Protein backbone atom coordinates (compact mmCIF):
# COMPACT_ATOMS: atom_id res chain seq x y z
CA MET A 1 -29.81 49.38 -28.28
CA LEU A 2 -31.30 45.97 -27.45
CA LYS A 3 -29.67 44.52 -30.57
CA ALA A 4 -26.25 45.85 -29.42
CA LEU A 5 -26.65 44.27 -25.97
CA ILE A 6 -27.57 40.92 -27.51
CA ILE A 7 -24.51 41.06 -29.77
CA VAL A 8 -22.26 41.93 -26.80
CA ALA A 9 -23.77 39.05 -24.78
CA ILE A 10 -23.25 36.55 -27.62
CA VAL A 11 -19.66 37.67 -28.21
CA SER A 12 -18.93 37.52 -24.47
CA MET A 13 -20.32 34.00 -24.19
CA ALA A 14 -18.40 32.87 -27.27
CA CYS A 15 -15.11 34.25 -25.96
CA GLY A 16 -15.73 32.88 -22.46
CA GLY A 17 -16.54 29.43 -23.86
CA LYS A 18 -13.38 29.43 -25.95
CA GLN A 19 -11.19 30.34 -22.95
CA GLU A 20 -12.77 27.58 -20.87
CA SER A 21 -12.20 24.95 -23.55
CA GLU A 22 -8.57 26.08 -23.94
CA HIS A 23 -8.12 25.63 -20.16
CA LYS A 24 -9.85 22.28 -20.32
CA ALA A 25 -7.56 21.11 -23.10
CA ALA A 26 -4.45 22.20 -21.18
CA VAL A 27 -5.61 20.53 -17.95
CA ASP A 28 -6.60 17.37 -19.79
CA LYS A 29 -3.23 17.21 -21.56
CA TYR A 30 -1.38 17.70 -18.27
CA ILE A 31 -3.37 15.01 -16.44
CA ASN A 32 -3.92 12.46 -19.19
CA VAL A 33 -0.81 12.87 -21.36
CA ASP A 34 2.08 14.69 -19.67
CA MET A 35 1.62 13.13 -16.20
CA HIS A 36 -0.41 10.06 -17.16
CA THR A 37 2.16 7.35 -16.43
CA SER A 38 3.54 9.35 -13.50
CA TRP A 39 0.33 8.92 -11.50
CA GLY A 40 0.72 5.14 -11.60
CA VAL A 41 4.31 5.45 -10.41
CA PHE A 42 3.24 7.68 -7.50
CA TRP A 43 0.35 5.47 -6.42
CA THR A 44 2.48 2.32 -6.66
CA ALA A 45 5.12 4.00 -4.49
CA GLN A 46 2.49 5.01 -1.96
CA ARG A 47 1.01 1.50 -1.49
CA PRO A 48 3.43 0.23 1.19
CA PHE A 49 2.51 3.18 3.41
CA LYS A 50 -1.16 2.22 3.10
CA THR A 51 -0.46 -1.37 4.20
CA LEU A 52 1.95 -0.44 7.00
CA LYS A 53 0.62 -1.58 10.34
CA ASN A 54 1.27 0.61 13.34
CA ASP A 55 3.04 -2.19 15.23
CA ALA A 56 5.20 -3.49 12.34
CA PHE A 57 8.38 -2.02 13.79
CA ASP A 58 7.66 -3.24 17.33
CA ARG A 59 6.91 -6.73 16.00
CA GLY A 60 10.40 -6.82 14.50
CA LEU A 61 9.39 -6.80 10.84
CA HIS A 62 12.57 -4.94 9.95
CA GLY A 63 13.08 -6.84 6.69
CA TRP A 64 9.70 -5.57 5.47
CA PHE A 65 11.04 -2.02 5.66
CA GLU A 66 14.09 -2.90 3.57
CA GLY A 67 11.96 -4.52 0.90
CA SER A 68 9.03 -2.11 0.90
CA MET A 69 10.77 1.17 1.58
CA GLY A 70 14.08 0.38 -0.12
CA GLY A 71 12.64 -1.70 -2.93
CA ILE A 72 9.42 0.16 -3.73
CA VAL A 73 8.85 3.56 -2.12
CA ILE A 74 12.31 5.12 -2.48
CA PRO A 75 12.99 4.10 -6.11
CA ARG A 76 9.40 4.78 -7.24
CA MET A 77 9.18 8.20 -5.60
CA THR A 78 12.57 9.02 -7.11
CA GLN A 79 11.22 7.88 -10.50
CA PHE A 80 8.08 9.99 -10.02
CA LEU A 81 10.18 13.06 -9.18
CA GLU A 82 12.29 12.54 -12.32
CA LEU A 83 9.18 12.20 -14.50
CA ALA A 84 7.40 15.16 -12.89
CA GLY A 85 10.54 17.26 -13.27
CA LYS A 86 10.30 16.90 -17.05
CA VAL A 87 6.74 18.30 -17.14
CA THR A 88 5.79 21.94 -17.42
CA PRO A 89 2.26 22.16 -16.05
CA PRO A 90 -0.24 24.67 -17.38
CA GLU A 91 -0.58 27.76 -15.18
CA VAL A 92 -3.79 26.52 -13.57
CA MET A 93 -2.09 23.26 -12.49
CA LYS A 94 1.17 24.72 -11.17
CA PRO A 95 0.06 24.77 -7.50
CA GLN A 96 -1.10 21.13 -7.64
CA HIS A 97 2.06 20.08 -9.49
CA ALA A 98 4.31 21.79 -6.94
CA LYS A 99 2.38 20.19 -4.08
CA ILE A 100 2.56 16.64 -5.47
CA VAL A 101 6.31 17.06 -6.02
CA GLU A 102 6.62 18.25 -2.41
CA LEU A 103 4.60 15.24 -1.20
CA ALA A 104 6.64 12.76 -3.25
CA THR A 105 9.85 14.23 -1.84
CA ALA A 106 8.47 13.93 1.70
CA TYR A 107 7.38 10.31 1.13
CA ARG A 108 10.81 9.41 -0.28
CA ASP A 109 12.56 11.00 2.70
CA ILE A 110 10.22 9.30 5.18
CA ALA A 111 10.83 5.93 3.52
CA THR A 112 14.58 6.53 3.81
CA ASP A 113 14.22 7.30 7.51
CA MET A 114 12.07 4.20 8.08
CA LYS A 115 14.46 1.95 6.19
CA GLU A 116 17.47 3.29 8.09
CA ALA A 117 15.60 3.08 11.41
CA ALA A 118 14.81 -0.57 10.71
CA ALA A 119 18.42 -1.31 9.75
CA THR A 120 19.69 0.18 13.02
CA LYS A 121 16.63 -0.82 15.09
CA ASP A 122 16.23 2.84 16.09
CA THR A 123 12.72 2.99 17.54
CA ALA A 124 12.76 6.76 18.14
CA ARG A 125 13.75 7.47 14.53
CA TYR A 126 11.05 5.13 13.29
CA LYS A 127 8.36 6.73 15.45
CA ALA A 128 9.37 10.21 14.21
CA ALA A 129 9.21 8.98 10.60
CA HIS A 130 5.84 7.35 11.26
CA GLU A 131 4.45 10.66 12.59
CA LYS A 132 5.76 12.43 9.47
CA MET A 133 4.12 9.75 7.32
CA LEU A 134 0.73 10.33 8.97
CA SER A 135 1.07 14.09 8.55
CA THR A 136 2.14 13.70 4.93
CA TYR A 137 -0.81 11.44 4.23
CA GLU A 138 -3.18 14.11 5.61
CA ARG A 139 -1.54 16.64 3.28
CA TYR A 140 -1.90 14.16 0.41
CA LEU A 141 -5.64 13.81 1.09
CA ALA A 142 -5.99 17.60 1.03
CA TRP A 143 -4.05 17.71 -2.26
CA GLN A 144 -6.25 14.96 -3.72
CA SER A 145 -9.38 16.89 -2.79
CA THR A 146 -8.06 20.07 -4.45
CA PHE A 147 -6.87 18.10 -7.47
CA ASP A 148 -10.28 16.43 -7.89
CA ALA A 149 -12.03 19.80 -7.56
CA THR A 150 -9.73 21.30 -10.21
CA MET A 151 -10.49 18.46 -12.62
CA LYS A 152 -14.21 18.89 -12.01
CA THR A 153 -14.02 22.66 -12.48
CA HIS A 154 -12.39 22.17 -15.88
CA GLY A 155 -14.57 19.22 -16.92
CA VAL A 156 -11.67 16.77 -17.02
CA SER A 157 -11.68 13.12 -16.00
CA MET A 158 -8.56 11.09 -15.41
CA LYS A 159 -8.17 8.16 -17.78
CA ASP A 160 -7.28 4.76 -16.36
CA VAL A 161 -3.72 4.91 -15.13
CA PRO A 162 -1.41 2.06 -16.17
CA GLU A 163 0.63 0.09 -13.68
CA PRO A 164 4.26 1.08 -14.10
CA PRO A 165 6.62 -1.54 -15.50
CA ALA A 166 8.76 -3.45 -13.04
CA LEU A 167 11.86 -1.69 -11.81
CA GLN A 168 15.12 -2.88 -13.30
CA ALA A 169 17.75 -4.16 -10.91
CA PRO A 170 20.66 -1.74 -10.55
């Protein structure tokens, strides 16, 4: 009887270990192969939001919005969405994938609103977009926390992400 229990325990551990490593391989491939260059595109697109000063619009830095939102955020978030749309995430990563696509869409739309607000000097539209940006950043931080926890759970580390190549002029 004891011998049978030991055999069952060994088989259970062997099967459990195999399933975990299969999950780990799928998560690692998703993060470090399928989406690897996409992360750099997303983080490059996000940078102007991180450097945006609260009073930039009031100080009349409207040209900054054209260059940063129109020249970086909008095309890079669009590029990220195209790249992410070509990836089929493993089942365990589907919620995180859907959320980052949702966030990229929100950032692209916010950047469009900010750029158009600057072009028309529409303070109310800018302030509404700024509030959406702050809310979206909070959602991004929550996503990042969940994403990091998922990587840790599956024993995966993200490899260094390359800077995306320069955008080509249209």
